[in-house]
N, C-alpha and C. Protein backbone atom coordinates (compact mmCIF):
# COMPACT_ATOMS: atom_id res chain seq x y z
N MET A 1 0.75 -1.09 0.05
CA MET A 1 0.10 -0.04 -0.17
C MET A 1 0.89 1.20 0.00
N GLY A 2 2.08 1.11 0.36
CA GLY A 2 3.11 2.22 0.66
C GLY A 2 3.25 2.84 -0.56
N MET A 3 3.56 1.94 -1.41
CA MET A 3 4.10 2.37 -2.91
C MET A 3 2.96 3.23 -3.61
N SER A 4 1.52 2.59 -3.43
CA SER A 4 0.43 3.34 -3.96
C SER A 4 0.63 4.68 -3.68
N LYS A 5 0.45 5.07 -2.47
CA LYS A 5 0.69 6.29 -2.08
C LYS A 5 1.76 7.14 -2.43
N ILE A 6 2.99 6.67 -2.68
CA ILE A 6 4.23 7.41 -3.20
C ILE A 6 3.83 7.65 -4.70
N LEU A 7 3.46 6.54 -5.33
CA LEU A 7 2.90 7.00 -6.63
C LEU A 7 1.79 8.06 -7.17
N GLY A 8 1.45 8.40 -5.96
CA GLY A 8 0.47 9.52 -6.27
C GLY A 8 -1.04 9.14 -6.47
N GLU A 9 -1.43 7.95 -5.97
CA GLU A 9 -2.82 7.84 -5.88
C GLU A 9 -3.34 8.04 -4.53
N GLY A 10 -4.84 8.34 -4.69
CA GLY A 10 -5.43 8.80 -3.53
C GLY A 10 -6.18 7.70 -2.60
N TYR A 11 -6.84 8.17 -1.54
CA TYR A 11 -7.18 7.07 -0.41
C TYR A 11 -8.20 6.31 -1.14
N THR A 12 -9.01 6.86 -1.95
CA THR A 12 -10.17 6.11 -2.47
C THR A 12 -9.34 5.19 -3.57
N ALA A 13 -8.71 5.55 -4.44
CA ALA A 13 -8.06 4.59 -5.33
C ALA A 13 -7.59 3.33 -4.75
N ILE A 14 -6.74 3.61 -3.66
CA ILE A 14 -5.96 2.76 -2.77
C ILE A 14 -7.17 1.72 -2.30
N ALA A 15 -8.05 2.30 -1.56
CA ALA A 15 -9.19 1.45 -1.17
C ALA A 15 -9.84 0.64 -1.93
N LYS A 16 -10.15 0.95 -3.08
CA LYS A 16 -10.78 0.21 -4.19
C LYS A 16 -9.86 -0.96 -4.73
N ARG A 17 -8.51 -0.68 -4.71
CA ARG A 17 -7.66 -1.58 -5.21
C ARG A 17 -7.37 -2.60 -4.31
N PHE A 18 -7.46 -2.38 -3.10
CA PHE A 18 -7.22 -3.57 -1.88
C PHE A 18 -8.47 -3.76 -1.18
N THR A 19 -9.46 -3.66 -1.55
CA THR A 19 -10.97 -3.85 -0.91
C THR A 19 -10.85 -3.56 0.17
N VAL A 20 -10.43 -2.53 0.80
CA VAL A 20 -10.54 -2.07 2.18
C VAL A 20 -11.20 -0.71 2.16
N SER A 21 -11.41 -0.03 3.30
CA SER A 21 -12.04 1.11 3.51
C SER A 21 -11.01 1.83 3.59
N ARG A 22 -11.41 3.52 3.22
CA ARG A 22 -10.71 4.71 3.23
C ARG A 22 -10.06 5.03 4.53
N THR A 23 -10.58 4.59 5.53
CA THR A 23 -10.33 5.02 6.66
C THR A 23 -8.90 4.11 7.15
N ALA A 24 -9.04 2.54 6.69
CA ALA A 24 -7.97 1.87 7.00
C ALA A 24 -6.91 2.21 6.41
N VAL A 25 -7.00 2.60 4.87
CA VAL A 25 -5.99 2.98 4.16
C VAL A 25 -5.45 4.37 4.90
N ARG A 26 -5.99 5.31 5.27
CA ARG A 26 -5.49 6.54 5.90
C ARG A 26 -4.70 5.95 7.29
N CYS A 27 -5.20 5.19 8.13
CA CYS A 27 -4.51 4.73 9.19
C CYS A 27 -3.52 4.32 8.82
N ILE A 28 -3.16 3.20 7.97
CA ILE A 28 -2.00 2.21 7.51
C ILE A 28 -0.95 3.23 6.98
N ILE A 29 -1.52 4.28 6.16
CA ILE A 29 -0.25 5.21 5.49
C ILE A 29 0.28 6.00 6.70
N ALA A 30 -0.56 6.53 7.70
CA ALA A 30 -0.18 7.46 8.90
C ALA A 30 0.68 6.58 9.47
N LYS A 31 0.53 5.36 10.14
CA LYS A 31 1.32 4.50 10.54
C LYS A 31 2.75 4.31 9.96
N TYR A 32 2.69 4.23 8.89
CA TYR A 32 3.71 4.15 8.05
C TYR A 32 4.68 5.17 7.78
N LYS A 33 4.41 6.53 7.74
CA LYS A 33 4.72 7.75 7.85
C LYS A 33 5.37 7.71 9.25
N GLU A 34 4.87 7.52 10.20
CA GLU A 34 5.33 7.89 11.79
C GLU A 34 6.46 6.93 12.10
N THR A 35 6.46 5.38 11.48
CA THR A 35 7.38 4.35 11.92
C THR A 35 8.15 3.93 10.76
N ASN A 36 7.82 4.13 9.82
CA ASN A 36 8.33 3.57 8.35
C ASN A 36 8.37 2.03 8.40
N SER A 37 7.17 1.70 8.94
CA SER A 37 6.53 0.17 8.91
C SER A 37 5.24 0.03 9.03
N VAL A 38 4.44 -0.98 8.54
CA VAL A 38 3.23 -1.00 9.02
C VAL A 38 3.07 -2.19 10.09
N ARG A 39 4.05 -2.89 10.60
CA ARG A 39 3.98 -3.93 11.60
C ARG A 39 3.41 -3.36 12.75
N ASN A 40 2.58 -4.43 13.52
CA ASN A 40 2.28 -3.79 14.84
C ASN A 40 3.36 -3.56 15.73
N LYS A 41 3.06 -2.83 16.78
CA LYS A 41 3.84 -2.56 17.86
C LYS A 41 4.08 -3.52 18.96
N PRO A 42 5.40 -3.88 19.48
CA PRO A 42 5.39 -5.16 20.35
C PRO A 42 4.84 -4.45 21.68
N GLY A 43 4.14 -5.41 22.48
CA GLY A 43 3.82 -5.31 23.70
C GLY A 43 2.17 -5.15 23.74
N HIS A 44 1.61 -5.56 22.72
CA HIS A 44 0.13 -5.56 22.64
C HIS A 44 -0.23 -6.86 23.55
N GLY A 45 -1.49 -6.89 24.22
CA GLY A 45 -2.01 -7.96 24.94
C GLY A 45 -1.84 -8.16 26.21
N ARG A 46 -2.32 -9.21 26.73
CA ARG A 46 -1.96 -9.09 28.11
C ARG A 46 -0.97 -9.64 28.69
N LYS A 47 -0.19 -9.01 29.63
CA LYS A 47 1.19 -9.33 30.31
C LYS A 47 1.20 -10.69 30.83
N LEU A 48 2.12 -11.42 30.83
CA LEU A 48 2.24 -12.83 31.63
C LEU A 48 2.41 -12.59 32.99
N ASN A 49 1.69 -13.80 33.52
CA ASN A 49 1.89 -14.01 34.98
C ASN A 49 3.21 -14.96 35.20
N ILE A 50 3.66 -15.51 34.67
CA ILE A 50 4.58 -16.27 34.79
C ILE A 50 5.41 -15.84 34.05
N SER A 51 6.95 -15.70 34.54
CA SER A 51 8.11 -15.24 33.89
C SER A 51 8.64 -16.47 33.22
N ARG A 52 9.22 -16.30 32.19
CA ARG A 52 10.13 -17.46 31.56
C ARG A 52 11.00 -18.18 32.19
N THR A 53 11.89 -17.63 33.12
CA THR A 53 12.73 -18.20 33.75
C THR A 53 12.23 -19.03 34.83
N LEU A 54 11.12 -18.56 35.55
CA LEU A 54 10.39 -19.31 36.57
C LEU A 54 10.08 -20.63 36.01
N GLU A 55 9.27 -20.68 34.82
CA GLU A 55 8.87 -21.70 34.27
C GLU A 55 9.92 -22.82 33.81
N LYS A 56 10.90 -22.29 33.44
CA LYS A 56 11.72 -23.30 32.91
C LYS A 56 12.67 -23.72 33.91
N LYS A 57 12.88 -23.06 35.17
CA LYS A 57 13.52 -23.44 36.18
C LYS A 57 12.86 -24.43 37.11
N ASP A 58 11.56 -24.15 37.03
CA ASP A 58 10.63 -25.35 37.91
C ASP A 58 10.76 -26.74 37.02
N VAL A 59 10.64 -26.66 35.89
CA VAL A 59 10.56 -27.89 35.29
C VAL A 59 11.80 -28.41 34.64
N SER A 60 12.91 -27.79 34.39
CA SER A 60 14.20 -28.51 34.35
C SER A 60 14.80 -29.17 35.42
N LYS A 61 14.07 -28.79 36.44
CA LYS A 61 14.94 -29.65 37.95
C LYS A 61 14.20 -30.94 37.91
N ASN A 62 13.07 -31.22 37.60
CA ASN A 62 12.25 -32.26 37.35
C ASN A 62 11.35 -32.55 36.03
N PRO A 63 11.75 -33.23 35.31
CA PRO A 63 10.73 -33.17 34.04
C PRO A 63 9.38 -33.98 34.34
N GLN A 64 9.53 -34.69 35.36
CA GLN A 64 8.20 -35.62 35.59
C GLN A 64 7.04 -34.50 36.30
N THR A 65 7.38 -33.05 36.57
CA THR A 65 6.56 -32.45 37.20
C THR A 65 5.34 -32.23 36.49
N SER A 66 4.14 -32.38 37.02
CA SER A 66 2.94 -32.18 36.31
C SER A 66 2.58 -30.80 36.09
N ALA A 67 1.57 -30.08 35.18
CA ALA A 67 1.11 -28.99 35.28
C ALA A 67 0.25 -28.45 36.53
N LYS A 68 -0.39 -29.40 37.25
CA LYS A 68 -1.08 -29.48 38.36
C LYS A 68 -0.07 -28.96 39.66
N MET A 69 0.86 -29.61 39.78
CA MET A 69 2.13 -29.46 40.68
C MET A 69 2.49 -28.10 40.61
N ILE A 70 2.86 -27.70 39.21
CA ILE A 70 3.66 -26.31 38.90
C ILE A 70 2.33 -25.18 39.42
N VAL A 71 0.98 -25.36 39.26
CA VAL A 71 -0.13 -24.48 39.58
C VAL A 71 0.04 -24.47 41.18
N ALA A 72 0.21 -25.61 41.66
CA ALA A 72 0.21 -25.49 43.11
C ALA A 72 1.24 -24.97 43.91
N ASP A 73 2.49 -25.08 43.27
CA ASP A 73 3.89 -24.45 43.61
C ASP A 73 3.77 -22.72 43.20
N LEU A 74 3.05 -22.28 42.05
CA LEU A 74 3.06 -21.22 41.86
C LEU A 74 1.88 -20.53 42.96
N ALA A 75 0.50 -21.10 43.41
CA ALA A 75 -0.31 -20.66 44.34
C ALA A 75 0.29 -20.47 45.68
N SER A 76 0.99 -21.41 45.86
CA SER A 76 1.51 -21.14 47.40
C SER A 76 2.79 -20.02 47.30
N SER A 77 3.17 -19.35 46.44
CA SER A 77 4.32 -18.45 46.12
C SER A 77 3.39 -17.06 45.81
N GLY A 78 1.98 -17.22 45.61
CA GLY A 78 1.18 -16.15 45.34
C GLY A 78 0.70 -15.79 43.95
N VAL A 79 1.05 -16.76 43.35
CA VAL A 79 0.80 -16.35 41.74
C VAL A 79 -0.40 -17.19 41.29
N ASP A 80 -1.47 -16.38 40.98
CA ASP A 80 -2.83 -17.49 40.76
C ASP A 80 -3.03 -17.71 39.02
N VAL A 81 -2.46 -18.87 38.69
CA VAL A 81 -2.75 -19.01 37.24
C VAL A 81 -3.54 -20.63 37.00
N SER A 82 -3.83 -20.62 35.90
CA SER A 82 -4.76 -21.91 35.65
C SER A 82 -3.59 -22.93 34.80
N ARG A 83 -4.06 -24.40 35.07
CA ARG A 83 -3.24 -25.19 34.61
C ARG A 83 -2.99 -25.00 33.08
N SER A 84 -4.15 -24.61 32.08
CA SER A 84 -3.87 -24.37 30.87
C SER A 84 -2.88 -23.27 30.50
N THR A 85 -2.79 -22.22 31.35
CA THR A 85 -1.76 -21.06 31.24
C THR A 85 -0.19 -21.77 31.54
N VAL A 86 -0.31 -22.54 32.55
CA VAL A 86 1.25 -23.26 32.73
C VAL A 86 1.47 -24.06 31.55
N VAL A 87 0.33 -24.73 30.83
CA VAL A 87 0.87 -25.61 29.81
C VAL A 87 1.45 -24.62 28.72
N ARG A 88 0.20 -23.34 28.44
CA ARG A 88 0.98 -22.57 27.19
C ARG A 88 2.11 -22.05 27.47
N ALA A 89 2.63 -21.71 28.60
CA ALA A 89 3.94 -21.05 28.94
C ALA A 89 4.93 -22.09 28.98
N LEU A 90 4.78 -23.28 29.00
CA LEU A 90 5.51 -24.47 28.97
C LEU A 90 6.20 -24.65 27.27
N HIS A 91 5.05 -24.63 26.55
CA HIS A 91 5.22 -24.77 25.24
C HIS A 91 5.89 -23.45 24.34
N ARG A 92 5.44 -22.39 25.05
CA ARG A 92 6.34 -21.27 24.56
C ARG A 92 7.69 -21.30 24.90
N GLY A 93 8.05 -22.00 25.98
CA GLY A 93 9.29 -21.95 26.57
C GLY A 93 9.99 -23.16 25.80
N GLY A 94 9.35 -23.84 24.86
CA GLY A 94 10.09 -24.72 23.97
C GLY A 94 10.00 -26.47 24.66
N LEU A 95 9.34 -26.34 25.62
CA LEU A 95 9.00 -27.68 26.33
C LEU A 95 7.71 -28.26 25.89
N GLN A 96 7.79 -29.59 25.59
CA GLN A 96 6.62 -30.62 25.17
C GLN A 96 6.45 -31.56 26.21
N GLY A 97 5.04 -31.95 26.51
CA GLY A 97 4.98 -33.05 27.22
C GLY A 97 4.94 -34.39 26.56
N HIS A 98 5.75 -35.37 27.03
CA HIS A 98 5.89 -36.59 26.09
C HIS A 98 5.84 -37.89 27.15
N ARG A 99 4.79 -38.78 26.86
CA ARG A 99 4.67 -40.00 27.55
C ARG A 99 5.88 -40.81 27.74
N PRO A 100 6.05 -41.21 28.92
CA PRO A 100 7.33 -41.95 29.29
C PRO A 100 7.57 -43.15 28.62
N ARG A 101 8.59 -44.12 28.69
CA ARG A 101 8.70 -44.93 28.09
C ARG A 101 7.91 -46.28 28.74
N ARG A 102 7.24 -46.98 28.21
CA ARG A 102 6.52 -48.05 28.67
C ARG A 102 7.80 -48.94 29.59
N THR A 103 8.60 -49.16 28.74
CA THR A 103 9.78 -50.23 29.92
C THR A 103 10.97 -49.51 29.88
N PRO A 104 11.66 -49.59 30.63
CA PRO A 104 13.02 -48.79 30.92
C PRO A 104 14.20 -49.38 29.89
N LEU A 105 15.23 -48.51 29.71
CA LEU A 105 16.18 -49.12 28.77
C LEU A 105 16.81 -50.55 29.77
N LEU A 106 17.10 -51.59 28.82
CA LEU A 106 17.55 -52.68 29.40
C LEU A 106 19.25 -52.49 29.82
N LYS A 107 19.66 -52.88 30.99
CA LYS A 107 20.99 -52.95 31.30
C LYS A 107 21.77 -54.45 30.80
N GLU A 108 23.04 -54.43 30.81
CA GLU A 108 23.48 -55.63 30.63
C GLU A 108 23.19 -56.76 31.31
N GLN A 109 23.01 -56.50 32.71
CA GLN A 109 22.51 -57.56 33.62
C GLN A 109 21.10 -58.16 32.97
N HIS A 110 20.25 -57.32 32.52
CA HIS A 110 18.97 -57.69 32.17
C HIS A 110 19.00 -58.41 30.73
N ILE A 111 19.98 -58.00 29.99
CA ILE A 111 19.81 -58.62 28.82
C ILE A 111 20.62 -60.04 28.98
N LYS A 112 21.39 -60.40 29.66
CA LYS A 112 22.01 -61.68 29.97
C LYS A 112 21.09 -62.55 30.75
N ALA A 113 20.14 -61.98 31.57
CA ALA A 113 19.31 -62.84 32.38
C ALA A 113 18.21 -63.00 31.55
N ARG A 114 17.69 -62.20 30.44
CA ARG A 114 16.73 -62.65 29.32
C ARG A 114 17.13 -63.83 28.48
N LEU A 115 18.72 -63.66 28.18
CA LEU A 115 19.24 -64.62 27.25
C LEU A 115 19.23 -65.92 27.98
N ARG A 116 19.62 -65.90 29.27
CA ARG A 116 19.61 -67.02 30.06
C ARG A 116 18.22 -67.77 30.23
N PHE A 117 17.37 -66.98 30.51
CA PHE A 117 16.14 -67.49 30.62
C PHE A 117 15.28 -68.22 29.03
N ALA A 118 15.69 -67.44 28.24
CA ALA A 118 15.37 -68.26 26.67
C ALA A 118 16.22 -69.24 26.57
N ARG A 119 17.50 -69.70 26.76
CA ARG A 119 18.06 -70.60 26.44
C ARG A 119 17.41 -71.82 27.31
N GLU A 120 17.18 -71.63 28.41
CA GLU A 120 16.70 -72.75 29.57
C GLU A 120 15.39 -73.02 28.86
N HIS A 121 14.52 -72.41 28.34
CA HIS A 121 13.33 -72.76 28.03
C HIS A 121 12.95 -72.92 26.50
N LEU A 122 14.19 -72.94 25.84
CA LEU A 122 13.93 -72.80 24.23
C LEU A 122 13.19 -74.42 23.92
N LYS A 123 13.96 -75.40 24.18
CA LYS A 123 13.36 -76.72 23.85
C LYS A 123 12.79 -77.54 25.22
N GLY A 124 11.65 -77.97 24.72
CA GLY A 124 10.79 -79.01 25.89
C GLY A 124 10.06 -78.12 26.70
N LYS A 125 9.90 -78.65 27.69
CA LYS A 125 9.10 -77.81 28.73
C LYS A 125 7.87 -77.50 28.36
N ASP A 126 6.96 -78.13 27.46
CA ASP A 126 5.86 -77.48 26.75
C ASP A 126 4.72 -77.28 28.04
N GLU A 127 4.64 -77.82 29.26
CA GLU A 127 3.64 -77.75 30.30
C GLU A 127 4.13 -76.13 30.65
N PHE A 128 5.23 -75.69 30.86
CA PHE A 128 5.51 -74.57 31.14
C PHE A 128 4.82 -73.35 30.15
N TRP A 129 5.18 -73.32 28.98
CA TRP A 129 4.25 -72.73 28.13
C TRP A 129 3.04 -72.52 28.16
N LYS A 130 2.35 -73.87 28.03
CA LYS A 130 0.99 -74.30 28.03
C LYS A 130 0.04 -73.55 29.27
N SER A 131 0.79 -73.44 30.27
CA SER A 131 0.09 -72.87 31.53
C SER A 131 -0.25 -71.83 31.58
N GLY A 132 0.02 -70.78 30.45
CA GLY A 132 -0.56 -69.52 30.42
C GLY A 132 0.39 -68.09 30.92
N PHE A 133 1.64 -68.93 31.17
CA PHE A 133 2.46 -67.82 31.65
C PHE A 133 2.75 -66.55 30.99
N GLY A 134 2.88 -66.73 29.46
CA GLY A 134 2.93 -65.29 28.45
C GLY A 134 1.72 -64.77 28.47
N ASN A 135 0.53 -65.01 28.85
CA ASN A 135 -0.33 -64.18 28.88
C ASN A 135 -1.07 -63.30 30.10
N CYS A 136 -0.33 -63.41 31.17
CA CYS A 136 -0.60 -62.80 32.40
C CYS A 136 -0.11 -61.48 32.33
N PHE A 137 -0.97 -60.57 33.20
CA PHE A 137 -0.60 -59.34 33.60
C PHE A 137 0.04 -58.97 34.88
N ILE A 138 1.10 -58.34 34.94
CA ILE A 138 1.55 -58.38 36.46
C ILE A 138 1.58 -57.01 36.83
N SER A 139 0.99 -56.42 37.80
CA SER A 139 1.26 -54.98 38.33
C SER A 139 1.88 -55.13 39.56
N LEU A 140 2.97 -54.32 39.62
CA LEU A 140 3.91 -54.51 40.91
C LEU A 140 3.32 -53.47 41.80
N GLY A 141 2.13 -52.92 41.94
CA GLY A 141 1.72 -51.89 42.85
C GLY A 141 1.79 -50.55 42.19
N THR A 142 1.97 -50.55 40.98
CA THR A 142 2.07 -48.98 40.57
C THR A 142 0.70 -48.94 39.37
N ALA A 143 0.29 -47.68 39.53
CA ALA A 143 -0.99 -47.38 38.87
C ALA A 143 -0.69 -47.77 37.30
N ASP A 144 -1.93 -48.08 36.63
CA ASP A 144 -1.87 -48.18 35.07
C ASP A 144 -2.11 -47.04 34.31
N THR A 145 -1.78 -45.83 35.22
CA THR A 145 -1.71 -44.31 34.17
C THR A 145 -0.36 -43.90 34.07
N PHE A 146 -0.40 -42.83 33.49
CA PHE A 146 1.00 -42.33 33.08
C PHE A 146 1.00 -40.75 33.38
N ARG A 147 2.14 -40.11 33.24
CA ARG A 147 2.47 -38.95 33.78
C ARG A 147 3.16 -38.29 32.37
N LEU A 148 2.91 -37.14 31.97
CA LEU A 148 3.66 -36.65 31.18
C LEU A 148 5.21 -36.14 31.48
N LEU A 149 6.23 -36.36 30.65
CA LEU A 149 7.49 -35.76 31.08
C LEU A 149 7.65 -34.27 29.91
N TRP A 150 8.24 -33.42 30.82
CA TRP A 150 8.26 -32.15 30.05
C TRP A 150 9.88 -32.12 29.61
N PHE A 151 10.05 -32.02 28.29
CA PHE A 151 11.79 -31.98 27.65
C PHE A 151 11.53 -31.44 26.45
């Protein structure tokens, strides 16, 4: 739009060309004359309740911290925010919630133990495998839910 005014076109002609109102053309040209740009000025919008350093610091200590826990921590320090605000702040800081691995990485001793078990039960002992050992679900006192990890 700036070049159209430089070329000598009036507000009405520019407004028709870009299908906007004359008032919009006038405001944009005035902004361009004032700032040499038509971009919006920074600083518009509501100010953040959570500083970026605070949100990064809390989660980098313990990536298993949930958004609810962060809300509780902030509430105890006098900052009243919602869970969705905390999640948005974490996303803005470059952190994403990821589901943890179902099984931890195997260590050398675990690999050896599994190989030993497989070799022992490779041949024969059909009664062992027919007993349904492979179809059972064992929970060792942990909940079947998961928590997001932030990294």
